[in-house]
C-alpha atoms as a PDB file:
ATOM      1  CA  MET A   1       0.000   0.000   0.000  1.00  0.00           C
ATOM      2  CA  PRO A   2       1.477   3.412  -0.909  1.00  0.00           C
ATOM      3  CA  ALA A   3       2.096   5.943   1.797  1.00  0.00           C
ATOM      4  CA  SER A   4      -0.387   8.626   2.677  1.00  0.00           C
ATOM      5  CA  SER A   5      -0.685  11.314   0.025  1.00  0.00           C
ATOM      6  CA  THR A   6       0.185  13.898   2.674  1.00  0.00           C
ATOM      7  CA  ILE A   7       3.827  12.779   2.600  1.00  0.00           C
ATOM      8  CA  THR A   8       5.825  14.449  -0.150  1.00  0.00           C
ATOM      9  CA  LYS A   9       8.809  13.062  -1.983  1.00  0.00           C
ATOM     10  CA  SER A  10      10.893  16.008  -0.795  1.00  0.00           C
ATOM     11  CA  GLU A  11      10.140  15.058   2.829  1.00  0.00           C
ATOM     12  CA  VAL A  12      11.191  11.472   2.184  1.00  0.00           C
ATOM     13  CA  VAL A  13      14.353  12.565   0.382  1.00  0.00           C
ATOM     14  CA  ALA A  14      15.261  14.984   3.184  1.00  0.00           C
ATOM     15  CA  TYR A  15      14.877  12.254   5.791  1.00  0.00           C
ATOM     16  CA  ALA A  16      16.817   9.732   3.675  1.00  0.00           C
ATOM     17  CA  ILE A  17      19.682  12.221   3.384  1.00  0.00           C
ATOM     18  CA  GLU A  18      19.544  12.802   7.148  1.00  0.00           C
ATOM     19  CA  VAL A  19      19.724   9.033   7.826  1.00  0.00           C
ATOM     20  CA  ILE A  20      22.599   8.521   5.388  1.00  0.00           C
ATOM     21  CA  GLN A  21      24.609  11.396   6.836  1.00  0.00           C
ATOM     22  CA  ARG A  22      23.881  10.304  10.412  1.00  0.00           C
ATOM     23  CA  ASP A  23      24.544   6.585  10.009  1.00  0.00           C
ATOM     24  CA  PHE A  24      27.323   6.410   7.420  1.00  0.00           C
ATOM     25  CA  GLU A  25      30.623   8.190   6.922  1.00  0.00           C
ATOM     26  CA  VAL A  26      29.874   9.926   3.637  1.00  0.00           C
ATOM     27  CA  GLY A  27      30.421  13.340   2.149  1.00  0.00           C
ATOM     28  CA  GLU A  28      27.723  15.378   0.472  1.00  0.00           C
ATOM     29  CA  VAL A  29      24.450  13.550  -0.169  1.00  0.00           C
ATOM     30  CA  THR A  30      21.849  14.737  -2.673  1.00  0.00           C
ATOM     31  CA  GLU A  31      18.772  13.263  -4.286  1.00  0.00           C
ATOM     32  CA  ALA A  32      20.942  12.350  -7.285  1.00  0.00           C
ATOM     33  CA  SER A  33      23.639  10.613  -5.203  1.00  0.00           C
ATOM     34  CA  ARG A  34      24.200   7.029  -6.344  1.00  0.00           C
ATOM     35  CA  PHE A  35      24.504   4.609  -3.444  1.00  0.00           C
ATOM     36  CA  GLU A  36      27.473   2.636  -4.732  1.00  0.00           C
ATOM     37  CA  GLU A  37      29.271   5.053  -7.041  1.00  0.00           C
ATOM     38  CA  ASP A  38      28.945   8.274  -5.031  1.00  0.00           C
ATOM     39  CA  LEU A  39      28.390   7.127  -1.448  1.00  0.00           C
ATOM     40  CA  ASP A  40      30.268   3.802  -1.404  1.00  0.00           C
ATOM     41  CA  LEU A  41      27.286   2.090   0.234  1.00  0.00           C
ATOM     42  CA  ASP A  42      26.323  -1.516  -0.396  1.00  0.00           C
ATOM     43  CA  SER A  43      22.967  -3.276  -0.657  1.00  0.00           C
ATOM     44  CA  LEU A  44      22.716  -3.846   3.106  1.00  0.00           C
ATOM     45  CA  ASP A  45      23.192  -0.121   3.649  1.00  0.00           C
ATOM     46  CA  VAL A  46      20.388   0.583   1.162  1.00  0.00           C
ATOM     47  CA  VAL A  47      18.102  -1.792   3.058  1.00  0.00           C
ATOM     48  CA  GLU A  48      18.986  -0.014   6.328  1.00  0.00           C
ATOM     49  CA  VAL A  49      18.017   3.340   4.791  1.00  0.00           C
ATOM     50  CA  LEU A  50      14.857   1.820   3.344  1.00  0.00           C
ATOM     51  CA  PHE A  51      13.742   0.422   6.682  1.00  0.00           C
ATOM     52  CA  ALA A  52      14.468   3.750   8.397  1.00  0.00           C
ATOM     53  CA  LEU A  53      12.173   5.434   5.839  1.00  0.00           C
ATOM     54  CA  GLY A  54       9.477   2.822   6.340  1.00  0.00           C
ATOM     55  CA  GLU A  55       9.608   3.179  10.093  1.00  0.00           C
ATOM     56  CA  HIS A  56       9.701   6.986  10.121  1.00  0.00           C
ATOM     57  CA  PHE A  57       6.921   7.518   7.575  1.00  0.00           C
ATOM     58  CA  ASN A  58       4.918   4.362   8.332  1.00  0.00           C
ATOM     59  CA  LEU A  59       5.369   3.147   4.753  1.00  0.00           C
ATOM     60  CA  ASP A  60       4.142  -0.318   3.810  1.00  0.00           C
ATOM     61  CA  LEU A  61       7.233  -1.601   2.018  1.00  0.00           C
ATOM     62  CA  TRP A  62       6.077  -5.205   1.604  1.00  0.00           C
ATOM     63  CA  THR A  63       3.899  -4.932  -1.460  1.00  0.00           C
ATOM     64  CA  PRO A  64       3.059  -7.534  -4.108  1.00  0.00           C
ATOM     65  CA  THR A  65       5.906  -6.082  -6.199  1.00  0.00           C
ATOM     66  CA  THR A  66       8.442  -6.988  -3.510  1.00  0.00           C
ATOM     67  CA  GLN A  67      10.492  -9.929  -4.702  1.00  0.00           C
ATOM     68  CA  VAL A  68      12.002 -12.364  -2.239  1.00  0.00           C
ATOM     69  CA  GLN A  69      14.377 -15.056  -3.432  1.00  0.00           C
ATOM     70  CA  GLY A  70      14.831 -17.671  -0.722  1.00  0.00           C
ATOM     71  CA  ASP A  71      15.943 -15.846   2.393  1.00  0.00           C
ATOM     72  CA  ASN A  72      17.432 -12.962   0.402  1.00  0.00           C
ATOM     73  CA  LEU A  73      15.862  -9.780  -0.866  1.00  0.00           C
ATOM     74  CA  ALA A  74      16.352  -9.243  -4.594  1.00  0.00           C
ATOM     75  CA  MET A  75      18.127  -5.883  -4.783  1.00  0.00           C
ATOM     76  CA  PRO A  76      17.996  -3.574  -7.774  1.00  0.00           C
ATOM     77  CA  PRO A  77      20.322  -5.030 -10.401  1.00  0.00           C
ATOM     78  CA  ARG A  78      22.248  -1.778 -10.927  1.00  0.00           C
ATOM     79  CA  LEU A  79      23.037  -0.559  -7.419  1.00  0.00           C
ATOM     80  CA  ASP A  80      25.831   1.549  -8.914  1.00  0.00           C
ATOM     81  CA  THR A  81      23.199   3.767 -10.535  1.00  0.00           C
ATOM     82  CA  TYR A  82      20.429   3.434  -7.923  1.00  0.00           C
ATOM     83  CA  THR A  83      19.915   6.930  -6.505  1.00  0.00           C
ATOM     84  CA  VAL A  84      18.605   8.304  -3.229  1.00  0.00           C
ATOM     85  CA  GLY A  85      15.763   9.938  -5.163  1.00  0.00           C
ATOM     86  CA  ARG A  86      14.737   6.704  -6.879  1.00  0.00           C
ATOM     87  CA  LEU A  87      14.681   4.812  -3.582  1.00  0.00           C
ATOM     88  CA  CYS A  88      12.532   7.531  -2.026  1.00  0.00           C
ATOM     89  CA  GLU A  89      10.133   7.667  -4.972  1.00  0.00           C
ATOM     90  CA  GLU A  90       9.695   3.895  -4.953  1.00  0.00           C
ATOM     91  CA  ALA A  91       9.221   3.803  -1.180  1.00  0.00           C
ATOM     92  CA  LEU A  92       6.628   6.566  -1.332  1.00  0.00           C
ATOM     93  CA  THR A  93       4.624   4.991  -4.172  1.00  0.00           C
ATOM     94  CA  GLY A  94       4.850   1.430  -2.880  1.00  0.00           C
ATOM     95  CA  THR A  95       6.776   0.205  -5.912  1.00  0.00           C
ATOM     96  CA  ILE A  96      10.107  -0.456  -4.211  1.00  0.00           C
ATOM     97  CA  GLY A  97      12.440  -2.478  -6.413  1.00  0.00           C
ATOM     98  CA  ILE A  98      13.367  -5.081  -3.846  1.00  0.00           C
END
């Protein structure tokens, strides 16, 4: 189920940036920052950010589009180009790519 329409993407992005800067040793973070290429974060770090967003905004991240392979989440195939903005947009609309 997508999040409430009262939550804006800019709010989600701002909180994601706050979480990344608080929890990881990274430089500047923007909506266009790529997790792997720009921030040197791996898939587990992305999941940590995702769950922080879900918890903070009460987002239902387990939708029918969520793919689980065995005990592992199926991460976006191109984490090197997966951006903070894309993660936030997918979390907000309930179409997260994991």
